[in-house]
Structure formats: C-alpha cells, structure tokens
C-alpha atoms as a PDB file:
ATOM      1  CA  MET A   1     -12.417 -12.318  -6.428  1.00  0.00           C
ATOM      2  CA  LEU A   2     -15.402 -10.523  -4.854  1.00  0.00           C
ATOM      3  CA  THR A   3     -17.349 -13.777  -4.835  1.00  0.00           C
ATOM      4  CA  GLU A   4     -14.510 -15.531  -3.024  1.00  0.00           C
ATOM      5  CA  LEU A   5     -14.317 -12.738  -0.453  1.00  0.00           C
ATOM      6  CA  SER A   6     -18.059 -12.982   0.169  1.00  0.00           C
ATOM      7  CA  ILE A   7     -17.836 -16.748   0.585  1.00  0.00           C
ATOM      8  CA  GLU A   8     -14.877 -16.526   2.938  1.00  0.00           C
ATOM      9  CA  HIS A   9     -15.892 -13.465   4.993  1.00  0.00           C
ATOM     10  CA  GLY A  10     -19.669 -13.146   4.535  1.00  0.00           C
ATOM     11  CA  LEU A  11     -21.817 -10.748   2.530  1.00  0.00           C
ATOM     12  CA  ASN A  12     -20.810  -7.637   4.491  1.00  0.00           C
ATOM     13  CA  TRP A  13     -17.082  -8.327   4.293  1.00  0.00           C
ATOM     14  CA  SER A  14     -16.285  -4.920   2.805  1.00  0.00           C
ATOM     15  CA  ASP A  15     -17.464  -3.043   5.905  1.00  0.00           C
ATOM     16  CA  GLN A  16     -14.390  -4.132   7.822  1.00  0.00           C
ATOM     17  CA  TYR A  17     -12.064  -2.763   5.103  1.00  0.00           C
ATOM     18  CA  LYS A  18     -13.679   0.548   4.140  1.00  0.00           C
ATOM     19  CA  PRO A  19     -11.825   3.835   4.705  1.00  0.00           C
ATOM     20  CA  GLY A  20     -11.850   4.718   8.386  1.00  0.00           C
ATOM     21  CA  SER A  21     -11.822   1.064   9.493  1.00  0.00           C
ATOM     22  CA  PHE A  22      -9.061  -0.932  11.143  1.00  0.00           C
ATOM     23  CA  GLY A  23      -8.821  -3.018   7.963  1.00  0.00           C
ATOM     24  CA  CYS A  24      -8.089   0.081   5.887  1.00  0.00           C
ATOM     25  CA  HIS A  25      -5.556   1.261   8.460  1.00  0.00           C
ATOM     26  CA  GLU A  26      -3.915  -2.162   8.221  1.00  0.00           C
ATOM     27  CA  LEU A  27      -3.630  -1.775   4.422  1.00  0.00           C
ATOM     28  CA  LEU A  28      -2.119   1.667   4.914  1.00  0.00           C
ATOM     29  CA  ASP A  29       0.491   0.228   7.270  1.00  0.00           C
ATOM     30  CA  ARG A  30       1.318  -2.711   4.991  1.00  0.00           C
ATOM     31  CA  THR A  31       1.687  -0.405   1.998  1.00  0.00           C
ATOM     32  CA  LEU A  32       4.188   1.754   3.867  1.00  0.00           C
ATOM     33  CA  LEU A  33       6.123  -1.321   4.995  1.00  0.00           C
ATOM     34  CA  ALA A  34       6.232  -2.675   1.444  1.00  0.00           C
ATOM     35  CA  ALA A  35       7.413   0.665   0.027  1.00  0.00           C
ATOM     36  CA  GLU A  36      10.137   0.948   2.653  1.00  0.00           C
ATOM     37  CA  MET A  37      11.229  -2.646   2.108  1.00  0.00           C
ATOM     38  CA  VAL A  38      11.462  -2.288  -1.678  1.00  0.00           C
ATOM     39  CA  GLU A  39      13.351   0.979  -1.297  1.00  0.00           C
ATOM     40  CA  ARG A  40      15.812  -0.407   1.280  1.00  0.00           C
ATOM     41  CA  GLN A  41      16.280  -3.936  -0.001  1.00  0.00           C
ATOM     42  CA  VAL A  42      15.859  -3.629  -3.774  1.00  0.00           C
ATOM     43  CA  LEU A  43      16.502  -0.055  -4.863  1.00  0.00           C
ATOM     44  CA  THR A  44      19.782   0.094  -2.954  1.00  0.00           C
ATOM     45  CA  HIS A  45      21.005  -3.360  -4.009  1.00  0.00           C
ATOM     46  CA  PRO A  46      24.235  -3.161  -6.048  1.00  0.00           C
ATOM     47  CA  ALA A  47      23.056  -5.642  -8.702  1.00  0.00           C
ATOM     48  CA  TRP A  48      20.914  -2.957 -10.329  1.00  0.00           C
ATOM     49  CA  ALA A  49      24.137  -1.221 -11.436  1.00  0.00           C
ATOM     50  CA  ARG A  50      24.500  -3.881 -14.130  1.00  0.00           C
ATOM     51  CA  ASP A  51      21.263  -2.804 -15.790  1.00  0.00           C
ATOM     52  CA  ARG A  52      19.709   0.663 -15.640  1.00  0.00           C
ATOM     53  CA  GLU A  53      16.308  -0.790 -16.597  1.00  0.00           C
ATOM     54  CA  TRP A  54      16.303  -2.867 -13.407  1.00  0.00           C
ATOM     55  CA  TYR A  55      16.883   0.267 -11.377  1.00  0.00           C
ATOM     56  CA  ALA A  56      14.164   2.122 -13.277  1.00  0.00           C
ATOM     57  CA  LEU A  57      11.679  -0.679 -12.576  1.00  0.00           C
ATOM     58  CA  ALA A  58      12.616  -0.782  -8.891  1.00  0.00           C
ATOM     59  CA  GLU A  59      12.223   2.978  -8.723  1.00  0.00           C
ATOM     60  CA  LYS A  60       8.785   2.704 -10.378  1.00  0.00           C
ATOM     61  CA  ALA A  61       7.762   0.103  -7.792  1.00  0.00           C
ATOM     62  CA  VAL A  62       8.755   2.400  -4.925  1.00  0.00           C
ATOM     63  CA  THR A  63       6.973   5.349  -6.509  1.00  0.00           C
ATOM     64  CA  ALA A  64       3.820   3.310  -7.125  1.00  0.00           C
ATOM     65  CA  LEU A  65       3.742   2.032  -3.532  1.00  0.00           C
ATOM     66  CA  GLN A  66       4.278   5.550  -2.182  1.00  0.00           C
ATOM     67  CA  GLU A  67       1.424   6.835  -4.358  1.00  0.00           C
ATOM     68  CA  LEU A  68      -0.822   3.997  -3.159  1.00  0.00           C
ATOM     69  CA  TYR A  69       0.056   4.888   0.438  1.00  0.00           C
ATOM     70  CA  GLN A  70      -0.915   8.518  -0.164  1.00  0.00           C
ATOM     71  CA  ARG A  71      -4.232   7.628  -1.812  1.00  0.00           C
ATOM     72  CA  VAL A  72      -5.258   5.055   0.789  1.00  0.00           C
ATOM     73  CA  GLY A  73      -4.158   7.429   3.537  1.00  0.00           C
ATOM     74  CA  ALA A  74      -6.182  10.323   2.129  1.00  0.00           C
ATOM     75  CA  ALA A  75      -9.357   8.224   1.911  1.00  0.00           C
ATOM     76  CA  HIS A  76      -8.781   6.662   5.328  1.00  0.00           C
ATOM     77  CA  LEU A  77      -8.120   9.982   7.055  1.00  0.00           C
ATOM     78  CA  ASP A  78     -11.111  11.629   5.394  1.00  0.00           C
ATOM     79  CA  GLU A  79     -13.276   8.992   7.054  1.00  0.00           C
ATOM     80  CA  THR A  80     -11.630   9.112  10.479  1.00  0.00           C
ATOM     81  CA  GLY A  81     -11.317  12.883  10.581  1.00  0.00           C
ATOM     82  CA  THR A  82      -7.650  12.503  11.545  1.00  0.00           C
ATOM     83  CA  ASP A  83      -5.033  14.981  10.404  1.00  0.00           C
ATOM     84  CA  ALA A  84      -2.057  12.869  11.491  1.00  0.00           C
ATOM     85  CA  LEU A  85      -0.601  12.148   8.041  1.00  0.00           C
ATOM     86  CA  LYS A  86      -1.351  15.452   6.318  1.00  0.00           C
END
C-alpha cells in the first residue's frame, strides 16, 4: 500500500497527512462522520432486535470509530497546539 501511495502521490506523500495537517484534519472529520452515521443508521435500526450479536457488532463498530476519532484528534491537536476538542 505504501508503494502505491508513493507512486500515486510522490515520495513525500505522507507530509500532507501527518498530524497537524489538513489531511489529518480531514481524516478526523471523516471518522466522526462515519461514527455518527453508523450510530444513527445502523445501531438504531430495528432489525438488530432479531439478533443480539448484530447489535453487539454494531456497538463495537461505533465504539471503535469513536476511539479512532479520539486518537487521531489527540495526535492532530498535539501538532497544531489547538485545545478545541479537549
């Protein structure tokens, strides 16, 4: 995957996605959107009531996305010096 990224975006591709960059902020935003979407559209869907394991998996997905958001946000804000999300 790293080779493909280098081919597509050049050798210094990672600079535009490191914590503190717009690319990292974009990931932070997309992670929040994904977490909210899974929570609203999947976790609250009535079909899960047929199978508790489905609900548990949906809940795990939301929790994992929220944790990812927190970790990306912490690294990103450490680099930008922003306290907005803390």
